[in-house]
PDB file of N, CA and C in Angstrom:
ATOM      1  N   MET A   1      -0.673 -11.289  22.015  1.00  0.00           N
ATOM      2  CA  MET A   1      -1.645 -10.629  21.061  1.00  0.00           C
ATOM      3  C   MET A   1      -2.488 -10.175  21.485  1.00  0.00           C
ATOM      4  N   SER A   2      -2.913  -9.195  20.221  1.00  0.00           N
ATOM      5  CA  SER A   2      -3.050  -7.872  20.012  1.00  0.00           C
ATOM      6  C   SER A   2      -4.684  -8.129  20.101  1.00  0.00           C
ATOM      7  N   ALA A   3      -5.768  -6.889  20.115  1.00  0.00           N
ATOM      8  CA  ALA A   3      -7.126  -6.638  19.973  1.00  0.00           C
ATOM      9  C   ALA A   3      -7.422  -7.099  18.804  1.00  0.00           C
ATOM     10  N   HIS A   4      -6.563  -7.396  17.661  1.00  0.00           N
ATOM     11  CA  HIS A   4      -6.998  -7.634  16.563  1.00  0.00           C
ATOM     12  C   HIS A   4      -6.911  -9.212  16.175  1.00  0.00           C
ATOM     13  N   GLY A   5      -6.353 -10.008  16.914  1.00  0.00           N
ATOM     14  CA  GLY A   5      -6.255 -10.981  17.071  1.00  0.00           C
ATOM     15  C   GLY A   5      -4.295 -11.048  16.071  1.00  0.00           C
ATOM     16  N   ASP A   6      -4.264 -12.765  15.556  1.00  0.00           N
ATOM     17  CA  ASP A   6      -2.657 -12.918  15.492  1.00  0.00           C
ATOM     18  C   ASP A   6      -2.622 -12.440  14.089  1.00  0.00           C
ATOM     19  N   VAL A   7      -2.833 -11.511  13.910  1.00  0.00           N
ATOM     20  CA  VAL A   7      -2.967 -11.120  12.129  1.00  0.00           C
ATOM     21  C   VAL A   7      -1.832 -10.015  11.979  1.00  0.00           C
ATOM     22  N   ASP A   8      -0.985 -10.143  10.797  1.00  0.00           N
ATOM     23  CA  ASP A   8      -0.235  -8.575  10.292  1.00  0.00           C
ATOM     24  C   ASP A   8      -1.418  -7.507   9.430  1.00  0.00           C
ATOM     25  N   LEU A   9      -0.751  -6.800  10.478  1.00  0.00           N
ATOM     26  CA  LEU A   9      -1.463  -5.396  10.043  1.00  0.00           C
ATOM     27  C   LEU A   9      -0.742  -4.403   9.127  1.00  0.00           C
ATOM     28  N   GLY A  10       0.095  -5.232   8.536  1.00  0.00           N
ATOM     29  CA  GLY A  10       1.180  -3.700   6.978  1.00  0.00           C
ATOM     30  C   GLY A  10       1.407  -2.917   7.297  1.00  0.00           C
ATOM     31  N   HIS A  11       2.572  -3.039   9.202  1.00  0.00           N
ATOM     32  CA  HIS A  11       3.170  -1.865   9.251  1.00  0.00           C
ATOM     33  C   HIS A  11       4.403  -1.808   8.615  1.00  0.00           C
ATOM     34  N   THR A  12       4.669  -0.963   7.799  1.00  0.00           N
ATOM     35  CA  THR A  12       5.697  -1.097   7.284  1.00  0.00           C
ATOM     36  C   THR A  12       6.170  -0.147   6.797  1.00  0.00           C
ATOM     37  N   VAL A  13       7.248   0.437   6.357  1.00  0.00           N
ATOM     38  CA  VAL A  13       8.631   1.819   6.160  1.00  0.00           C
ATOM     39  C   VAL A  13       7.861   2.586   4.907  1.00  0.00           C
ATOM     40  N   ALA A  14       7.300   2.076   4.221  1.00  0.00           N
ATOM     41  CA  ALA A  14       6.704   2.372   3.136  1.00  0.00           C
ATOM     42  C   ALA A  14       4.947   2.888   3.374  1.00  0.00           C
ATOM     43  N   GLY A  15       4.157   2.488   4.472  1.00  0.00           N
ATOM     44  CA  GLY A  15       2.443   2.741   5.168  1.00  0.00           C
ATOM     45  C   GLY A  15       3.015   3.824   6.014  1.00  0.00           C
ATOM     46  N   TRP A  16       4.098   3.768   6.622  1.00  0.00           N
ATOM     47  CA  TRP A  16       4.664   4.435   7.869  1.00  0.00           C
ATOM     48  C   TRP A  16       4.627   5.759   7.250  1.00  0.00           C
ATOM     49  N   THR A  17       5.831   5.817   6.406  1.00  0.00           N
ATOM     50  CA  THR A  17       6.741   6.821   5.971  1.00  0.00           C
ATOM     51  C   THR A  17       5.016   8.002   4.684  1.00  0.00           C
ATOM     52  N   GLY A  18       4.538   7.361   4.173  1.00  0.00           N
ATOM     53  CA  GLY A  18       3.171   7.981   3.349  1.00  0.00           C
ATOM     54  C   GLY A  18       2.226   8.147   4.341  1.00  0.00           C
ATOM     55  N   THR A  19       2.238   7.516   4.959  1.00  0.00           N
ATOM     56  CA  THR A  19       0.928   8.521   6.415  1.00  0.00           C
ATOM     57  C   THR A  19       1.423   9.590   7.276  1.00  0.00           C
ATOM     58  N   THR A  20       2.919   9.738   7.094  1.00  0.00           N
ATOM     59  CA  THR A  20       2.985  10.633   7.834  1.00  0.00           C
ATOM     60  C   THR A  20       3.126  12.256   6.963  1.00  0.00           C
ATOM     61  N   LEU A  21       3.786  11.403   5.956  1.00  0.00           N
ATOM     62  CA  LEU A  21       3.807  12.709   4.807  1.00  0.00           C
ATOM     63  C   LEU A  21       2.126  13.055   4.526  1.00  0.00           C
ATOM     64  N   ALA A  22       1.777  12.171   4.477  1.00  0.00           N
ATOM     65  CA  ALA A  22      -0.547  12.764   4.257  1.00  0.00           C
ATOM     66  C   ALA A  22      -0.555  13.647   5.359  1.00  0.00           C
ATOM     67  N   LEU A  23      -0.255  13.177   6.338  1.00  0.00           N
ATOM     68  CA  LEU A  23      -0.805  13.864   7.789  1.00  0.00           C
ATOM     69  C   LEU A  23      -0.239  14.765   7.902  1.00  0.00           C
ATOM     70  N   LEU A  24       1.573  14.988   7.499  1.00  0.00           N
ATOM     71  CA  LEU A  24       1.533  16.213   6.842  1.00  0.00           C
ATOM     72  C   LEU A  24       1.253  17.878   6.261  1.00  0.00           C
ATOM     73  N   GLY A  25       0.960  17.089   5.218  1.00  0.00           N
ATOM     74  CA  GLY A  25       0.041  17.847   4.313  1.00  0.00           C
ATOM     75  C   GLY A  25      -0.884  18.013   4.585  1.00  0.00           C
ATOM     76  N   CYS A  26      -2.145  17.477   4.952  1.00  0.00           N
ATOM     77  CA  CYS A  26      -3.522  17.883   5.534  1.00  0.00           C
ATOM     78  C   CYS A  26      -3.168  18.635   6.660  1.00  0.00           C
ATOM     79  N   ALA A  27      -1.976  18.379   7.233  1.00  0.00           N
ATOM     80  CA  ALA A  27      -1.863  19.407   8.713  1.00  0.00           C
ATOM     81  C   ALA A  27      -1.540  20.536   7.960  1.00  0.00           C
ATOM     82  N   GLY A  28      -0.681  20.903   7.556  1.00  0.00           N
ATOM     83  CA  GLY A  28       0.112  22.020   6.500  1.00  0.00           C
ATOM     84  C   GLY A  28      -1.027  22.672   6.295  1.00  0.00           C
ATOM     85  N   ALA A  29      -2.149  22.268   5.490  1.00  0.00           N
ATOM     86  CA  ALA A  29      -3.004  22.959   4.527  1.00  0.00           C
ATOM     87  C   ALA A  29      -3.907  23.419   5.794  1.00  0.00           C
ATOM     88  N   GLY A  30      -4.040  22.730   6.888  1.00  0.00           N
ATOM     89  CA  GLY A  30      -4.858  23.137   7.783  1.00  0.00           C
ATOM     90  C   GLY A  30      -4.972  24.391   8.232  1.00  0.00           C
ATOM     91  N   VAL A  31      -3.408  24.355   8.808  1.00  0.00           N
ATOM     92  CA  VAL A  31      -3.095  25.377   9.144  1.00  0.00           C
ATOM     93  C   VAL A  31      -2.777  26.866   8.439  1.00  0.00           C
ATOM     94  N   ALA A  32      -2.673  26.443   7.296  1.00  0.00           N
ATOM     95  CA  ALA A  32      -2.340  27.432   6.630  1.00  0.00           C
ATOM     96  C   ALA A  32      -4.083  28.224   5.715  1.00  0.00           C
ATOM     97  N   LEU A  33      -4.833  27.370   5.915  1.00  0.00           N
ATOM     98  CA  LEU A  33      -6.372  27.872   5.522  1.00  0.00           C
ATOM     99  C   LEU A  33      -6.833  28.729   6.999  1.00  0.00           C
ATOM    100  N   CYS A  34      -6.272  28.367   8.097  1.00  0.00           N
ATOM    101  CA  CYS A  34      -6.597  29.464   9.568  1.00  0.00           C
ATOM    102  C   CYS A  34      -5.810  30.543   8.898  1.00  0.00           C
ATOM    103  N   ALA A  35      -4.098  30.517   8.776  1.00  0.00           N
ATOM    104  CA  ALA A  35      -3.736  32.185   8.410  1.00  0.00           C
ATOM    105  C   ALA A  35      -4.006  32.043   7.244  1.00  0.00           C
ATOM    106  N   ALA A  36      -4.657  32.282   6.795  1.00  0.00           N
ATOM    107  CA  ALA A  36      -5.490  32.465   4.964  1.00  0.00           C
ATOM    108  C   ALA A  36      -4.358  32.376   4.529  1.00  0.00           C
ATOM    109  N   TRP A  37      -3.260  31.788   4.184  1.00  0.00           N
ATOM    110  CA  TRP A  37      -1.775  31.767   3.441  1.00  0.00           C
ATOM    111  C   TRP A  37      -1.963  30.799   2.422  1.00  0.00           C
ATOM    112  N   THR A  38      -2.764  31.469   1.266  1.00  0.00           N
ATOM    113  CA  THR A  38      -2.936  31.217  -0.044  1.00  0.00           C
ATOM    114  C   THR A  38      -1.605  29.366  -0.339  1.00  0.00           C
ATOM    115  N   PRO A  39      -0.429  30.294  -0.316  1.00  0.00           N
ATOM    116  CA  PRO A  39       0.588  29.651  -1.391  1.00  0.00           C
ATOM    117  C   PRO A  39       0.613  28.108  -0.305  1.00  0.00           C
ATOM    118  N   GLY A  40       0.248  28.320   1.238  1.00  0.00           N
ATOM    119  CA  GLY A  40       0.577  27.214   2.181  1.00  0.00           C
ATOM    120  C   GLY A  40      -0.438  26.680   2.122  1.00  0.00           C
ATOM    121  N   ILE A  41      -1.623  26.598   1.744  1.00  0.00           N
ATOM    122  CA  ILE A  41      -2.655  25.762   1.540  1.00  0.00           C
ATOM    123  C   ILE A  41      -2.188  24.616   0.109  1.00  0.00           C
ATOM    124  N   ARG A  42      -1.235  25.007  -1.131  1.00  0.00           N
ATOM    125  CA  ARG A  42      -1.442  24.956  -1.970  1.00  0.00           C
ATOM    126  C   ARG A  42      -0.037  23.884  -1.599  1.00  0.00           C
ATOM    127  N   LEU A  43       1.189  24.553  -1.166  1.00  0.00           N
ATOM    128  CA  LEU A  43       1.460  23.602  -0.480  1.00  0.00           C
ATOM    129  C   LEU A  43       1.546  22.220   0.221  1.00  0.00           C
ATOM    130  N   GLY A  44       0.169  22.790   1.022  1.00  0.00           N
ATOM    131  CA  GLY A  44       0.035  21.220   2.163  1.00  0.00           C
ATOM    132  C   GLY A  44      -0.282  20.510   1.165  1.00  0.00           C
ATOM    133  N   LEU A  45      -1.614  21.070   0.154  1.00  0.00           N
ATOM    134  CA  LEU A  45      -2.263  19.929  -0.548  1.00  0.00           C
ATOM    135  C   LEU A  45      -1.711  19.392  -1.781  1.00  0.00           C
ATOM    136  N   GLY A  46      -0.310  19.957  -2.351  1.00  0.00           N
ATOM    137  CA  GLY A  46       0.116  19.509  -2.793  1.00  0.00           C
ATOM    138  C   GLY A  46       1.469  18.581  -2.281  1.00  0.00           C
ATOM    139  N   LEU A  47       1.453  18.391  -1.050  1.00  0.00           N
ATOM    140  CA  LEU A  47       2.486  17.162  -0.578  1.00  0.00           C
ATOM    141  C   LEU A  47       1.545  15.774  -0.330  1.00  0.00           C
ATOM    142  N   ILE A  48       0.394  16.228  -0.531  1.00  0.00           N
ATOM    143  CA  ILE A  48      -0.308  14.498  -0.239  1.00  0.00           C
ATOM    144  C   ILE A  48      -0.355  13.612  -1.296  1.00  0.00           C
ATOM    145  N   PRO A  49      -0.563  14.308  -2.810  1.00  0.00           N
ATOM    146  CA  PRO A  49      -0.033  13.036  -3.482  1.00  0.00           C
ATOM    147  C   PRO A  49       1.002  12.495  -3.793  1.00  0.00           C
ATOM    148  N   VAL A  50       2.556  13.579  -3.395  1.00  0.00           N
ATOM    149  CA  VAL A  50       3.542  13.128  -3.349  1.00  0.00           C
ATOM    150  C   VAL A  50       3.803  12.143  -1.999  1.00  0.00           C
ATOM    151  N   ALA A  51       2.858  12.047  -1.422  1.00  0.00           N
ATOM    152  CA  ALA A  51       2.828  10.700   0.080  1.00  0.00           C
ATOM    153  C   ALA A  51       2.705   9.827  -1.112  1.00  0.00           C
ATOM    154  N   GLY A  52       1.860   9.748  -1.483  1.00  0.00           N
ATOM    155  CA  GLY A  52       1.157   8.531  -2.299  1.00  0.00           C
ATOM    156  C   GLY A  52       2.353   7.776  -3.352  1.00  0.00           C
ATOM    157  N   ILE A  53       2.564   8.928  -3.983  1.00  0.00           N
ATOM    158  CA  ILE A  53       3.567   8.180  -4.769  1.00  0.00           C
ATOM    159  C   ILE A  53       5.197   7.909  -4.478  1.00  0.00           C
ATOM    160  N   VAL A  54       5.841   8.510  -2.498  1.00  0.00           N
ATOM    161  CA  VAL A  54       6.740   7.820  -2.251  1.00  0.00           C
ATOM    162  C   VAL A  54       6.287   6.784  -1.689  1.00  0.00           C
ATOM    163  N   THR A  55       5.129   6.739  -1.330  1.00  0.00           N
ATOM    164  CA  THR A  55       4.453   5.196  -0.445  1.00  0.00           C
ATOM    165  C   THR A  55       5.016   4.062  -1.609  1.00  0.00           C
ATOM    166  N   TRP A  56       4.575   4.643  -3.132  1.00  0.00           N
ATOM    167  CA  TRP A  56       4.062   3.672  -4.530  1.00  0.00           C
ATOM    168  C   TRP A  56       6.554   3.278  -4.083  1.00  0.00           C
ATOM    169  N   LEU A  57       6.872   3.947  -4.762  1.00  0.00           N
ATOM    170  CA  LEU A  57       7.955   3.896  -4.766  1.00  0.00           C
ATOM    171  C   LEU A  57       8.557   3.092  -3.708  1.00  0.00           C
ATOM    172  N   LEU A  58       8.697   3.530  -2.422  1.00  0.00           N
ATOM    173  CA  LEU A  58       8.859   2.328  -1.161  1.00  0.00           C
ATOM    174  C   LEU A  58       8.639   0.818  -1.479  1.00  0.00           C
ATOM    175  N   HIS A  59       6.974   0.815  -1.407  1.00  0.00           N
ATOM    176  CA  HIS A  59       6.757  -0.861  -1.657  1.00  0.00           C
ATOM    177  C   HIS A  59       7.678  -1.056  -3.407  1.00  0.00           C
ATOM    178  N   LEU A  60       7.609  -0.899  -4.219  1.00  0.00           N
ATOM    179  CA  LEU A  60       8.608  -1.236  -4.886  1.00  0.00           C
ATOM    180  C   LEU A  60       9.735  -1.425  -4.884  1.00  0.00           C
ATOM    181  N   ALA A  61      10.324  -0.702  -4.229  1.00  0.00           N
ATOM    182  CA  ALA A  61      11.828  -1.277  -3.640  1.00  0.00           C
ATOM    183  C   ALA A  61      11.549  -2.120  -2.443  1.00  0.00           C
ATOM    184  N   GLY A  62      10.505  -2.406  -2.534  1.00  0.00           N
ATOM    185  CA  GLY A  62      10.773  -3.576  -1.155  1.00  0.00           C
ATOM    186  C   GLY A  62      10.573  -3.666   0.281  1.00  0.00           C
ATOM    187  N   TRP A  63      10.380  -2.264   0.488  1.00  0.00           N
ATOM    188  CA  TRP A  63       9.851  -1.468   1.933  1.00  0.00           C
ATOM    189  C   TRP A  63       8.361  -1.547   2.216  1.00  0.00           C
ATOM    190  N   GLY A  64       7.070  -2.286   1.185  1.00  0.00           N
ATOM    191  CA  GLY A  64       6.230  -2.388   1.837  1.00  0.00           C
ATOM    192  C   GLY A  64       5.834  -3.521   2.023  1.00  0.00           C
ATOM    193  N   LYS A  65       4.726  -4.538   1.378  1.00  0.00           N
ATOM    194  CA  LYS A  65       4.310  -5.552   1.606  1.00  0.00           C
ATOM    195  C   LYS A  65       2.739  -6.209   0.808  1.00  0.00           C
ATOM    196  N   PRO A  66       3.172  -7.574  -0.019  1.00  0.00           N
ATOM    197  CA  PRO A  66       2.792  -8.263  -0.599  1.00  0.00           C
ATOM    198  C   PRO A  66       0.683  -7.923  -0.024  1.00  0.00           C
ATOM    199  N   SER A  67       0.052  -8.458  -0.912  1.00  0.00           N
ATOM    200  CA  SER A  67      -1.454  -8.760  -0.011  1.00  0.00           C
ATOM    201  C   SER A  67      -1.277  -9.938   0.675  1.00  0.00           C
ATOM    202  N   GLY A  68      -1.951  -9.961   1.604  1.00  0.00           N
ATOM    203  CA  GLY A  68      -2.216 -10.819   2.621  1.00  0.00           C
ATOM    204  C   GLY A  68      -1.476 -11.135   3.878  1.00  0.00           C
ATOM    205  N   PRO A  69      -1.422 -12.720   4.271  1.00  0.00           N
ATOM    206  CA  PRO A  69      -0.921 -12.767   5.150  1.00  0.00           C
ATOM    207  C   PRO A  69       0.459 -12.827   4.979  1.00  0.00           C
ATOM    208  N   ARG A  70       1.518 -12.778   6.103  1.00  0.00           N
ATOM    209  CA  ARG A  70       3.068 -12.747   6.075  1.00  0.00           C
ATOM    210  C   ARG A  70       3.116 -13.791   7.003  1.00  0.00           C
ATOM    211  N   PRO A  71       4.298 -14.552   6.507  1.00  0.00           N
ATOM    212  CA  PRO A  71       5.084 -15.091   7.956  1.00  0.00           C
ATOM    213  C   PRO A  71       5.613 -14.292   9.168  1.00  0.00           C
ATOM    214  N   ARG A  72       5.258 -15.072  10.744  1.00  0.00           N
ATOM    215  CA  ARG A  72       5.712 -13.904  11.899  1.00  0.00           C
ATOM    216  C   ARG A  72       6.630 -13.328  11.878  1.00  0.00           C
ATOM    217  N   ALA A  73       7.819 -14.026  11.189  1.00  0.00           N
ATOM    218  CA  ALA A  73       8.742 -13.371  11.007  1.00  0.00           C
ATOM    219  C   ALA A  73       9.281 -12.199  10.287  1.00  0.00           C
ATOM    220  N   GLU A  74       8.092 -11.873   9.527  1.00  0.00           N
ATOM    221  CA  GLU A  74       7.992 -10.701   9.224  1.00  0.00           C
ATOM    222  C   GLU A  74       7.040  -9.843   9.279  1.00  0.00           C
ATOM    223  N   TRP A  75       6.381  -9.608  10.531  1.00  0.00           N
ATOM    224  CA  TRP A  75       5.467  -9.114  10.934  1.00  0.00           C
ATOM    225  C   TRP A  75       6.573  -7.409  11.127  1.00  0.00           C
ATOM    226  N   ASP A  76       7.803  -7.455  11.254  1.00  0.00           N
ATOM    227  CA  ASP A  76       8.500  -6.247  11.996  1.00  0.00           C
ATOM    228  C   ASP A  76       8.171  -5.265  10.867  1.00  0.00           C
ATOM    229  N   TRP A  77       7.963  -3.855  11.235  1.00  0.00           N
ATOM    230  CA  TRP A  77       7.960  -2.821  10.059  1.00  0.00           C
ATOM    231  C   TRP A  77       9.406  -2.891   9.394  1.00  0.00           C
ATOM    232  N   ARG A  78      10.529  -2.902  10.711  1.00  0.00           N
ATOM    233  CA  ARG A  78      11.510  -2.551   9.078  1.00  0.00           C
ATOM    234  C   ARG A  78      12.263  -3.662   8.272  1.00  0.00           C
ATOM    235  N   THR A  79      10.834  -4.931   8.390  1.00  0.00           N
ATOM    236  CA  THR A  79      11.713  -5.789   7.351  1.00  0.00           C
ATOM    237  C   THR A  79      11.535  -5.353   6.435  1.00  0.00           C
ATOM    238  N   ARG A  80      12.154  -6.214   5.292  1.00  0.00           N
ATOM    239  CA  ARG A  80      12.395  -5.612   3.417  1.00  0.00           C
ATOM    240  C   ARG A  80      11.910  -6.713   3.035  1.00  0.00           C
ATOM    241  N   ASP A  81      10.885  -6.695   1.758  1.00  0.00           N
ATOM    242  CA  ASP A  81      10.140  -7.478   1.244  1.00  0.00           C
ATOM    243  C   ASP A  81      11.380  -8.191   0.249  1.00  0.00           C
ATOM    244  N   THR A  82      11.499  -9.051   0.438  1.00  0.00           N
ATOM    245  CA  THR A  82      12.248  -9.590  -0.605  1.00  0.00           C
ATOM    246  C   THR A  82      12.412 -10.124  -2.578  1.00  0.00           C
ATOM    247  N   ALA A  83      10.716 -10.124  -2.013  1.00  0.00           N
ATOM    248  CA  ALA A  83      10.205 -10.600  -3.267  1.00  0.00           C
ATOM    249  C   ALA A  83       9.261  -9.540  -4.260  1.00  0.00           C
ATOM    250  N   ALA A  84       9.572  -8.370  -3.701  1.00  0.00           N
ATOM    251  CA  ALA A  84       9.054  -7.115  -4.518  1.00  0.00           C
ATOM    252  C   ALA A  84       9.732  -7.197  -5.920  1.00  0.00           C
ATOM    253  N   ARG A  85      11.145  -7.302  -5.544  1.00  0.00           N
ATOM    254  CA  ARG A  85      11.521  -6.892  -6.841  1.00  0.00           C
ATOM    255  C   ARG A  85      11.068  -7.806  -7.991  1.00  0.00           C
ATOM    256  N   ALA A  86      10.404  -8.871  -8.250  1.00  0.00           N
ATOM    257  CA  ALA A  86       9.518  -9.637  -9.315  1.00  0.00           C
ATOM    258  C   ALA A  86       8.540  -9.371  -9.343  1.00  0.00           C
ATOM    259  N   GLY A  87       7.871  -8.214  -8.451  1.00  0.00           N
ATOM    260  CA  GLY A  87       6.573  -8.130  -8.546  1.00  0.00           C
ATOM    261  C   GLY A  87       5.509  -8.866  -7.061  1.00  0.00           C
ATOM    262  N   HIS A  88       4.620  -8.044  -6.893  1.00  0.00           N
ATOM    263  CA  HIS A  88       3.230  -8.896  -5.881  1.00  0.00           C
ATOM    264  C   HIS A  88       2.284  -9.518  -7.329  1.00  0.00           C
ATOM    265  N   ALA A  89       1.911 -10.776  -6.601  1.00  0.00           N
ATOM    266  CA  ALA A  89       0.803 -11.479  -7.506  1.00  0.00           C
ATOM    267  C   ALA A  89      -0.572 -10.508  -7.273  1.00  0.00           C
ATOM    268  N   HIS A  90      -1.963 -10.201  -7.979  1.00  0.00           N
ATOM    269  CA  HIS A  90      -2.376  -9.394  -7.616  1.00  0.00           C
ATOM    270  C   HIS A  90      -2.712  -7.642  -7.219  1.00  0.00           C
ATOM    271  N   CYS A  91      -1.187  -7.453  -7.473  1.00  0.00           N
ATOM    272  CA  CYS A  91      -0.860  -5.866  -6.828  1.00  0.00           C
ATOM    273  C   CYS A  91      -1.005  -4.958  -7.711  1.00  0.00           C
ATOM    274  N   LEU A  92      -2.071  -4.013  -7.933  1.00  0.00           N
ATOM    275  CA  LEU A  92      -2.493  -3.145  -9.000  1.00  0.00           C
ATOM    276  C   LEU A  92      -0.784  -2.020  -9.227  1.00  0.00           C
ATOM    277  N   GLY A  93      -0.384  -1.993  -7.912  1.00  0.00           N
ATOM    278  CA  GLY A  93       1.260  -0.929  -7.654  1.00  0.00           C
ATOM    279  C   GLY A  93       2.204  -1.384  -9.012  1.00  0.00           C
ATOM    280  N   CYS A  94       1.827  -3.123  -8.081  1.00  0.00           N
ATOM    281  CA  CYS A  94       3.260  -3.513  -8.701  1.00  0.00           C
ATOM    282  C   CYS A  94       3.393  -3.933 -10.103  1.00  0.00           C
ATOM    283  N   ARG A  95       1.789  -4.092 -10.735  1.00  0.00           N
ATOM    284  CA  ARG A  95       2.004  -4.024 -12.493  1.00  0.00           C
ATOM    285  C   ARG A  95       1.775  -2.897 -12.814  1.00  0.00           C
ATOM    286  N   VAL A  96       1.529  -1.455 -11.572  1.00  0.00           N
ATOM    287  CA  VAL A  96       1.686  -0.298 -12.640  1.00  0.00           C
ATOM    288  C   VAL A  96       3.171   0.545 -12.963  1.00  0.00           C
ATOM    289  N   GLY A  97       3.854  -0.579 -12.458  1.00  0.00           N
ATOM    290  CA  GLY A  97       5.453   0.007 -12.090  1.00  0.00           C
ATOM    291  C   GLY A  97       6.590  -0.341 -13.263  1.00  0.00           C
ATOM    292  N   GLY A  98       5.596  -0.943 -14.071  1.00  0.00           N
ATOM    293  CA  GLY A  98       6.559  -1.215 -15.634  1.00  0.00           C
ATOM    294  C   GLY A  98       5.883  -3.017 -16.163  1.00  0.00           C
ATOM    295  N   PRO A  99       6.962  -2.964 -17.358  1.00  0.00           N
ATOM    296  CA  PRO A  99       6.029  -4.147 -18.240  1.00  0.00           C
ATOM    297  C   PRO A  99       6.942  -5.352 -17.358  1.00  0.00           C
ATOM    298  N   ARG A 100       7.935  -5.271 -17.068  1.00  0.00           N
ATOM    299  CA  ARG A 100       8.768  -6.505 -16.337  1.00  0.00           C
ATOM    300  C   ARG A 100       8.263  -6.510 -14.317  1.00  0.00           C
ATOM    301  N   ARG A 101       7.464  -5.872 -14.005  1.00  0.00           N
ATOM    302  CA  ARG A 101       7.227  -6.003 -12.840  1.00  0.00           C
ATOM    303  C   ARG A 101       5.750  -6.844 -13.294  1.00  0.00           C
ATOM    304  N   ALA A 102       4.970  -6.200 -13.764  1.00  0.00           N
ATOM    305  CA  ALA A 102       3.432  -6.784 -14.700  1.00  0.00           C
ATOM    306  C   ALA A 102       3.855  -8.259 -15.175  1.00  0.00           C
ATOM    307  N   ALA A 103       4.507  -8.044 -15.864  1.00  0.00           N
ATOM    308  CA  ALA A 103       4.502  -9.718 -16.166  1.00  0.00           C
ATOM    309  C   ALA A 103       5.142 -10.773 -15.080  1.00  0.00           C
ATOM    310  N   ALA A 104       5.872 -10.573 -14.115  1.00  0.00           N
ATOM    311  CA  ALA A 104       6.526 -11.810 -12.879  1.00  0.00           C
ATOM    312  C   ALA A 104       4.971 -11.414 -11.707  1.00  0.00           C
ATOM    313  N   ALA A 105       3.982 -10.173 -11.970  1.00  0.00           N
ATOM    314  CA  ALA A 105       2.877  -9.970 -11.051  1.00  0.00           C
ATOM    315  C   ALA A 105       1.889 -10.928 -11.310  1.00  0.00           C
ATOM    316  N   ARG A 106       1.799 -11.252 -12.690  1.00  0.00           N
ATOM    317  CA  ARG A 106       0.632 -11.744 -13.382  1.00  0.00           C
ATOM    318  C   ARG A 106       0.276 -13.134 -13.579  1.00  0.00           C
ATOM    319  N   VAL A 107      -0.462 -13.593 -12.550  1.00  0.00           N
ATOM    320  CA  VAL A 107      -0.510 -14.699 -12.224  1.00  0.00           C
ATOM    321  C   VAL A 107      -2.055 -15.046 -12.419  1.00  0.00           C
ATOM    322  N   PRO A 108      -2.546 -16.584 -12.525  1.00  0.00           N
ATOM    323  CA  PRO A 108      -3.460 -16.811 -13.024  1.00  0.00           C
ATOM    324  C   PRO A 108      -4.229 -16.600 -11.948  1.00  0.00           C
ATOM    325  N   ARG A 109      -5.576 -16.137 -12.037  1.00  0.00           N
ATOM    326  CA  ARG A 109      -6.376 -17.103 -10.351  1.00  0.00           C
ATOM    327  C   ARG A 109      -7.615 -18.161 -11.005  1.00  0.00           C
ATOM    328  N   PRO A 110      -7.442 -18.691  -9.983  1.00  0.00           N
ATOM    329  CA  PRO A 110      -8.268 -20.048  -9.707  1.00  0.00           C
ATOM    330  C   PRO A 110      -9.702 -19.519 -10.295  1.00  0.00           C
ATOM    331  N   ALA A 111     -10.409 -20.546 -10.768  1.00  0.00           N
ATOM    332  CA  ALA A 111     -11.848 -20.444 -11.699  1.00  0.00           C
ATOM    333  C   ALA A 111     -12.577 -20.524  -9.933  1.00  0.00           C
ATOM    334  N   ALA A 112     -13.427 -19.360 -10.385  1.00  0.00           N
ATOM    335  CA  ALA A 112     -14.333 -19.886  -8.745  1.00  0.00           C
ATOM    336  C   ALA A 112     -15.078 -20.992  -8.784  1.00  0.00           C
ATOM    337  N   GLN A 113     -14.979 -21.347  -7.533  1.00  0.00           N
ATOM    338  CA  GLN A 113     -16.327 -22.720  -7.560  1.00  0.00           C
ATOM    339  C   GLN A 113     -17.288 -22.176  -7.466  1.00  0.00           C
ATOM    340  N   LEU A 114     -18.900 -22.499  -7.695  1.00  0.00           N
ATOM    341  CA  LEU A 114     -19.964 -22.510  -7.733  1.00  0.00           C
ATOM    342  C   LEU A 114     -20.842 -23.306  -7.107  1.00  0.00           C
ATOM    343  N   PRO A 115     -21.858 -22.924  -6.109  1.00  0.00           N
ATOM    344  CA  PRO A 115     -22.263 -24.151  -5.582  1.00  0.00           C
ATOM    345  C   PRO A 115     -22.886 -25.105  -6.772  1.00  0.00           C
ATOM    346  N   VAL A 116     -23.180 -26.109  -6.303  1.00  0.00           N
ATOM    347  CA  VAL A 116     -23.428 -27.089  -6.851  1.00  0.00           C
ATOM    348  C   VAL A 116     -25.448 -27.468  -6.807  1.00  0.00           C
ATOM    349  N   GLY A 117     -26.374 -26.836  -7.825  1.00  0.00           N
ATOM    350  CA  GLY A 117     -27.662 -27.385  -7.308  1.00  0.00           C
ATOM    351  C   GLY A 117     -28.160 -28.638  -7.400  1.00  0.00           C
ATOM    352  N   ASP A 118     -29.232 -28.681  -7.291  1.00  0.00           N
ATOM    353  CA  ASP A 118     -30.270 -29.513  -7.441  1.00  0.00           C
ATOM    354  C   ASP A 118     -31.244 -29.807  -8.709  1.00  0.00           C
ATOM    355  N   GLY A 119     -30.896 -29.184  -9.106  1.00  0.00           N
ATOM    356  CA  GLY A 119     -31.016 -29.024 -10.318  1.00  0.00           C
ATOM    357  C   GLY A 119     -33.455 -28.617 -10.983  1.00  0.00           C
ATOM    358  N   ALA A 120     -33.287 -28.149  -9.551  1.00  0.00           N
ATOM    359  CA  ALA A 120     -34.752 -27.475  -9.555  1.00  0.00           C
ATOM    360  C   ALA A 120     -34.906 -26.307  -9.576  1.00  0.00           C
ATOM    361  N   MET A 121     -36.203 -25.677 -10.386  1.00  0.00           N
ATOM    362  CA  MET A 121     -36.202 -24.826 -10.278  1.00  0.00           C
ATOM    363  C   MET A 121     -37.722 -24.010 -10.252  1.00  0.00           C
TER     364      MET A 121
END
């Protein structure tokens, strides 16, 4: 058991790749800033949105994870999500992925349960 309890923290190929690219972009921009190299700053900062796009594309390809808990057998970061082709319910990234994914990911949410009052005001 980890310090975070018995949960899946979402370590995935998409997450690790995007984080690594964003870290390289920030570090590269920082080094270029210290060296006063303007093109390097732009290249480093340009890598950050690329990291987001790459992460999103990997998520759509099944290398990310849906929101919420996963079965313990799928906790390994190299496990591919077979349900990603149809889109994940309540996932903004899947809805942005196109109309086919948006239709598959559109699942009605249950109505909110409000507490019943005693009627006194």
